[in-house]
Amino acid sequence: MASSRSVAAALPHGSVLGARFATSAGGLDARRVLLLAAAALAILLLGLASLPSAVLVEPRLAVLVATRRAELALAGTATLLTAVLVYVFAGS
């Protein structure tokens, strides 16, 4: 077992552990932006499907959500699942 003095002696003078950081790839990756947009859309659809009709101020929107709640939830789930599968299989 190495003592702390021998470990400290092995390091170059003035260096700090963890001082090197990986640089970012730089720029915007279109795939990541689209995946983030798909995840945001899925969250919006799932959130809208979970809202009670009484919370919505606009009566037409409340009726639309009440009658299409299952379709909104299904669309949100499908969008989120698609985004996750693309993320996993595209190697992001």
Protein backbone atom coordinates (compact mmCIF):
# COMPACT_ATOMS: atom_id res chain seq x y z
CA MET A 1 0.00 0.00 0.00
CA ALA A 2 1.49 3.28 -1.11
CA SER A 3 1.75 6.10 1.37
CA SER A 4 0.28 9.49 0.61
CA ARG A 5 3.78 10.97 0.26
CA SER A 6 4.75 8.54 -2.50
CA VAL A 7 1.51 9.24 -4.38
CA ALA A 8 2.06 12.97 -4.05
CA ALA A 9 5.64 12.59 -5.21
CA ALA A 10 4.51 10.73 -8.33
CA LEU A 11 2.36 13.68 -9.44
CA PRO A 12 4.00 16.51 -11.35
CA HIS A 13 4.51 19.66 -9.31
CA GLY A 14 1.56 22.04 -9.46
CA SER A 15 -0.95 19.57 -10.90
CA VAL A 16 -4.30 18.95 -9.31
CA LEU A 17 -6.22 15.70 -9.44
CA GLY A 18 -9.11 16.03 -11.88
CA ALA A 19 -7.66 19.12 -13.54
CA ARG A 20 -8.07 17.67 -17.01
CA PHE A 21 -11.55 17.83 -18.44
CA ALA A 22 -12.88 16.42 -21.67
CA THR A 23 -13.65 19.03 -24.25
CA SER A 24 -17.10 19.15 -25.76
CA ALA A 25 -17.70 18.21 -29.36
CA GLY A 26 -18.84 21.76 -30.05
CA GLY A 27 -21.70 22.96 -32.18
CA LEU A 28 -25.28 21.81 -32.21
CA ASP A 29 -26.08 18.24 -33.07
CA ALA A 30 -29.34 18.11 -35.03
CA ARG A 31 -30.13 14.64 -33.71
CA ARG A 32 -29.92 15.80 -30.09
CA VAL A 33 -32.06 18.84 -30.80
CA LEU A 34 -34.73 16.69 -32.45
CA LEU A 35 -34.65 14.18 -29.60
CA LEU A 36 -35.04 16.97 -27.08
CA ALA A 37 -37.94 18.42 -29.07
CA ALA A 38 -39.60 14.98 -29.25
CA ALA A 39 -39.20 14.50 -25.49
CA ALA A 40 -40.66 17.96 -24.85
CA LEU A 41 -43.62 17.20 -27.12
CA ALA A 42 -44.19 13.89 -25.34
CA ILE A 43 -44.17 15.62 -21.96
CA LEU A 44 -46.61 18.24 -23.25
CA LEU A 45 -48.99 15.60 -24.63
CA LEU A 46 -48.85 13.46 -21.51
CA GLY A 47 -49.33 16.50 -19.29
CA LEU A 48 -52.31 17.67 -21.33
CA ALA A 49 -53.85 14.21 -21.16
CA SER A 50 -53.52 14.17 -17.38
CA LEU A 51 -55.14 17.57 -16.79
CA PRO A 52 -58.68 17.62 -15.47
CA SER A 53 -61.17 19.39 -17.72
CA ALA A 54 -62.06 21.88 -14.98
CA VAL A 55 -58.55 23.31 -14.99
CA LEU A 56 -58.71 24.37 -18.63
CA VAL A 57 -60.15 27.86 -19.06
CA GLU A 58 -61.12 27.57 -22.73
CA PRO A 59 -64.32 25.46 -22.96
CA ARG A 60 -63.53 24.12 -26.44
CA LEU A 61 -60.11 22.95 -25.30
CA ALA A 62 -61.64 21.34 -22.20
CA VAL A 63 -64.11 19.40 -24.39
CA LEU A 64 -61.33 18.39 -26.77
CA VAL A 65 -59.15 17.10 -23.94
CA ALA A 66 -62.08 15.31 -22.29
CA THR A 67 -63.08 13.51 -25.49
CA ARG A 68 -59.55 12.76 -26.74
CA ARG A 69 -57.76 11.97 -23.46
CA ALA A 70 -56.80 8.43 -24.47
CA GLU A 71 -55.51 9.55 -27.86
CA LEU A 72 -53.40 12.30 -26.26
CA ALA A 73 -51.92 9.84 -23.78
CA LEU A 74 -51.23 7.31 -26.51
CA ALA A 75 -49.59 9.94 -28.74
CA GLY A 76 -47.43 11.15 -25.84
CA THR A 77 -46.38 7.62 -24.93
CA ALA A 78 -45.58 6.72 -28.52
CA THR A 79 -43.55 9.92 -28.98
CA LEU A 80 -41.59 9.33 -25.80
CA LEU A 81 -40.96 5.68 -26.65
CA THR A 82 -39.80 6.63 -30.15
CA ALA A 83 -37.42 9.25 -28.78
CA VAL A 84 -35.95 6.79 -26.28
CA LEU A 85 -35.52 4.07 -28.92
CA VAL A 86 -33.83 6.49 -31.33
CA TYR A 87 -31.54 7.65 -28.54
CA VAL A 88 -30.58 4.10 -27.59
CA PHE A 89 -30.15 2.64 -31.05
CA ALA A 90 -28.61 5.68 -32.74
CA GLY A 91 -25.73 5.63 -30.26
CA SER A 92 -26.07 9.14 -28.95
